[in-house]
Amino acid sequence: ERMKQIREKSLPTEERTLLVNFHGRLPINHDYYENVTVRRSLLKFAPLPNVSIGGFIEDYFEVMGNSHFCFVPEGTSSWTNHLYESFFAGCIPIIVSDSFVLPFQDLIPWNKLSIRWPQNDIGESLYLYIYDLVYHRTQVVREMKRMVDSHACWFNFYAFDDECSPYQAVLHDLEKRKQQMPKYLHPQQW
């Protein structure tokens, strides 16, 4: 099972050597992504120290588990598996999509366990921010990783936990939507 394999490669914060990574579909390896500018912008990071950016690689799980942060860029649809994979790798997500709607917002404190960065502002300032966090604010990074690890259960579709599972999260969201629906007058027998 993919999720278990990713988890097995997740290193403790102190042992991680990569600042950030992204591996997947890019304009350089997939024509369909030619116009996805945010993914093209990520290529700027490829030559920088302690960064791993590129197409698909054999040791992807090891790279994720050795990275403090994982880029979660906009793709060609409204979701990306990179978000869920980052949780299982214990890799703090950097969401670089202005339109991505994060799931389970009532249950996951996204502002405490991820970074949301404007997709049109990918460059040196983002690298310096990540660098500063990892090398000068290690306690912040350690706490963010702890939060990522403790909230991974919301994405574990193989768990049937009554407290923390995607099934509970979906039921929670549906109940919330039901409560927000307008109340209509109807006959008592309905």
Protein backbone atom coordinates (compact mmCIF):
# COMPACT_ATOMS: atom_id res chain seq x y z
CA GLU A 1 0.00 0.00 0.00
CA ARG A 2 1.37 3.37 -1.12
CA MET A 3 0.49 5.25 2.06
CA LYS A 4 2.37 2.77 4.25
CA GLN A 5 5.43 2.95 2.00
CA ILE A 6 5.46 6.75 2.22
CA ARG A 7 5.11 6.65 6.03
CA GLU A 8 8.02 4.25 6.36
CA LYS A 9 10.33 6.82 4.73
CA SER A 10 9.29 9.71 6.99
CA LEU A 11 12.32 10.85 8.98
CA PRO A 12 12.30 12.85 12.23
CA THR A 13 12.78 16.60 11.76
CA GLU A 14 16.36 16.47 13.06
CA GLU A 15 17.39 13.93 10.41
CA ARG A 16 15.91 15.68 7.37
CA THR A 17 18.45 17.26 5.03
CA LEU A 18 16.32 18.70 2.21
CA LEU A 19 14.59 22.04 2.58
CA VAL A 20 11.86 21.43 0.02
CA ASN A 21 10.90 19.16 -2.85
CA PHE A 22 8.51 18.64 -5.71
CA HIS A 23 8.52 15.75 -8.15
CA GLY A 24 5.79 15.11 -10.65
CA ARG A 25 4.28 16.50 -13.80
CA LEU A 26 5.98 19.65 -15.05
CA PRO A 27 6.04 21.52 -18.37
CA ILE A 28 9.41 19.85 -19.08
CA ASN A 29 8.01 16.31 -18.92
CA HIS A 30 4.33 16.62 -19.80
CA ASP A 31 2.82 18.74 -22.59
CA TYR A 32 -0.50 19.03 -20.77
CA TYR A 33 1.26 21.16 -18.11
CA GLU A 34 2.82 23.56 -20.61
CA ASN A 35 0.56 26.41 -19.49
CA VAL A 36 0.60 25.67 -15.75
CA THR A 37 2.86 28.58 -14.83
CA VAL A 38 3.13 27.75 -11.13
CA ARG A 39 4.78 24.43 -11.94
CA ARG A 40 7.12 26.10 -14.40
CA SER A 41 8.09 28.56 -11.65
CA LEU A 42 9.07 25.71 -9.34
CA LEU A 43 11.86 24.81 -11.75
CA LYS A 44 13.70 27.94 -10.53
CA PHE A 45 14.40 26.04 -7.31
CA ALA A 46 16.02 23.03 -8.98
CA PRO A 47 19.65 24.29 -8.88
CA LEU A 48 19.45 25.61 -5.31
CA PRO A 49 21.17 23.79 -2.42
CA ASN A 50 19.20 21.22 -0.42
CA VAL A 51 16.29 21.29 -2.85
CA SER A 52 14.95 18.46 -5.00
CA ILE A 53 12.74 19.53 -7.92
CA GLY A 54 12.02 17.64 -11.12
CA GLY A 55 10.03 14.97 -12.85
CA PHE A 56 9.17 11.55 -11.55
CA ILE A 57 11.97 9.76 -9.69
CA GLU A 58 12.42 6.27 -8.36
CA ASP A 59 13.19 7.35 -4.77
CA TYR A 60 10.28 9.79 -4.49
CA PHE A 61 9.13 8.51 -1.08
CA GLU A 62 12.65 8.85 0.34
CA VAL A 63 12.95 12.40 -0.99
CA MET A 64 9.61 13.40 0.53
CA GLY A 65 10.46 11.78 3.86
CA ASN A 66 13.80 13.62 3.89
CA SER A 67 12.29 17.05 3.11
CA HIS A 68 11.07 19.56 5.64
CA PHE A 69 8.62 21.07 3.14
CA CYS A 70 6.75 19.74 0.09
CA PHE A 71 5.44 22.00 -2.64
CA VAL A 72 1.75 21.49 -3.36
CA PRO A 73 1.24 23.41 -6.59
CA GLU A 74 -1.82 24.00 -8.66
CA GLY A 75 -2.23 21.41 -11.36
CA THR A 76 -4.75 20.97 -14.13
CA SER A 77 -7.66 20.27 -11.80
CA SER A 78 -9.04 21.52 -8.50
CA TRP A 79 -7.12 19.00 -6.39
CA THR A 80 -3.70 17.35 -6.20
CA ASN A 81 -2.47 14.17 -4.58
CA HIS A 82 0.68 16.02 -3.49
CA LEU A 83 -1.24 17.44 -0.53
CA TYR A 84 -2.26 14.04 0.83
CA GLU A 85 1.15 12.51 0.17
CA SER A 86 2.85 15.31 2.10
CA PHE A 87 0.88 14.35 5.22
CA PHE A 88 1.99 10.72 5.06
CA ALA A 89 5.61 11.77 4.51
CA GLY A 90 5.48 14.15 7.48
CA CYS A 91 6.39 16.89 5.04
CA ILE A 92 4.97 20.37 5.74
CA PRO A 93 2.88 21.42 2.71
CA ILE A 94 3.60 24.69 0.94
CA ILE A 95 0.42 25.34 -0.98
CA VAL A 96 1.17 27.37 -4.10
CA SER A 97 -2.29 27.68 -5.55
CA ASP A 98 -4.47 30.73 -5.12
CA SER A 99 -7.63 28.80 -5.96
CA PHE A 100 -7.13 25.48 -4.14
CA VAL A 101 -9.85 25.03 -1.51
CA LEU A 102 -8.40 23.15 1.42
CA PRO A 103 -10.46 20.23 2.72
CA PHE A 104 -11.87 19.85 6.23
CA GLN A 105 -11.23 23.46 7.24
CA ASP A 106 -13.16 23.08 10.51
CA LEU A 107 -11.04 20.11 11.55
CA ILE A 108 -7.54 20.91 10.32
CA PRO A 109 -5.74 24.08 11.49
CA TRP A 110 -4.21 24.78 8.08
CA ASN A 111 -2.56 28.00 9.24
CA LYS A 112 -0.55 26.04 11.83
CA LEU A 113 0.60 23.10 9.73
CA SER A 114 1.06 24.53 6.24
CA ILE A 115 2.24 27.59 4.37
CA ARG A 116 0.09 29.23 1.74
CA TRP A 117 2.19 31.21 -0.75
CA PRO A 118 0.90 33.31 -3.67
CA GLN A 119 1.40 31.30 -6.84
CA ASN A 120 2.64 34.33 -8.78
CA ASP A 121 5.33 35.11 -6.20
CA ILE A 122 7.48 31.99 -6.45
CA GLY A 123 11.12 32.99 -6.31
CA GLU A 124 14.03 33.88 -4.10
CA SER A 125 11.90 35.29 -1.26
CA LEU A 126 10.14 31.93 -0.85
CA TYR A 127 13.45 30.06 -0.79
CA LEU A 128 14.85 32.48 1.81
CA TYR A 129 11.71 32.10 3.90
CA ILE A 130 12.00 28.30 3.89
CA TYR A 131 15.73 28.53 4.62
CA ASP A 132 15.11 30.87 7.57
CA LEU A 133 12.47 28.56 9.02
CA VAL A 134 14.62 25.43 8.78
CA TYR A 135 17.90 26.91 9.99
CA HIS A 136 16.82 29.70 12.35
CA ARG A 137 13.37 28.75 13.60
CA THR A 138 13.68 25.01 14.03
CA GLN A 139 11.13 24.89 16.85
CA VAL A 140 8.49 26.31 14.49
CA VAL A 141 9.34 23.65 11.88
CA ARG A 142 9.32 20.90 14.50
CA GLU A 143 5.87 21.99 15.73
CA MET A 144 4.48 22.26 12.18
CA LYS A 145 5.70 18.74 11.42
CA ARG A 146 4.16 17.46 14.66
CA MET A 147 0.85 19.01 13.57
CA VAL A 148 1.13 17.46 10.10
CA ASP A 149 1.78 14.05 11.64
CA SER A 150 -1.10 14.36 14.09
CA HIS A 151 -3.56 15.39 11.36
CA ALA A 152 -2.60 12.78 8.74
CA CYS A 153 -5.45 10.62 10.02
CA TRP A 154 -7.92 12.92 8.22
CA PHE A 155 -6.53 11.57 4.93
CA ASN A 156 -6.16 7.90 5.84
CA PHE A 157 -8.93 6.21 3.85
CA TYR A 158 -7.93 2.83 5.27
CA ALA A 159 -8.69 3.80 8.86
CA PHE A 160 -12.15 3.66 10.34
CA ASP A 161 -11.43 5.70 13.44
CA ASP A 162 -14.48 7.23 15.11
CA GLU A 163 -12.49 10.33 16.03
CA CYS A 164 -10.25 11.08 13.04
CA SER A 165 -10.79 9.73 9.55
CA PRO A 166 -11.80 11.16 6.18
CA TYR A 167 -15.17 9.49 6.64
CA GLN A 168 -15.76 11.40 9.87
CA ALA A 169 -14.58 14.60 8.17
CA VAL A 170 -16.99 14.17 5.26
CA LEU A 171 -19.86 13.47 7.65
CA HIS A 172 -18.88 16.55 9.65
CA ASP A 173 -18.85 18.71 6.51
CA LEU A 174 -22.20 17.31 5.33
CA GLU A 175 -23.78 18.00 8.73
CA LYS A 176 -22.44 21.54 8.65
CA ARG A 177 -23.90 22.08 5.17
CA LYS A 178 -27.22 20.64 6.30
CA GLN A 179 -27.34 23.12 9.18
CA GLN A 180 -26.65 25.99 6.78
CA MET A 181 -29.46 25.05 4.42
CA PRO A 182 -32.51 27.31 4.49
CA LYS A 183 -35.43 26.07 6.53
CA TYR A 184 -38.57 25.67 4.46
CA LEU A 185 -42.09 25.37 5.71
CA HIS A 186 -43.46 21.98 4.93
CA PRO A 187 -46.21 19.71 6.13
CA GLN A 188 -45.57 17.99 9.48
CA GLN A 189 -45.61 14.49 7.95
CA TRP A 190 -42.51 15.26 5.81
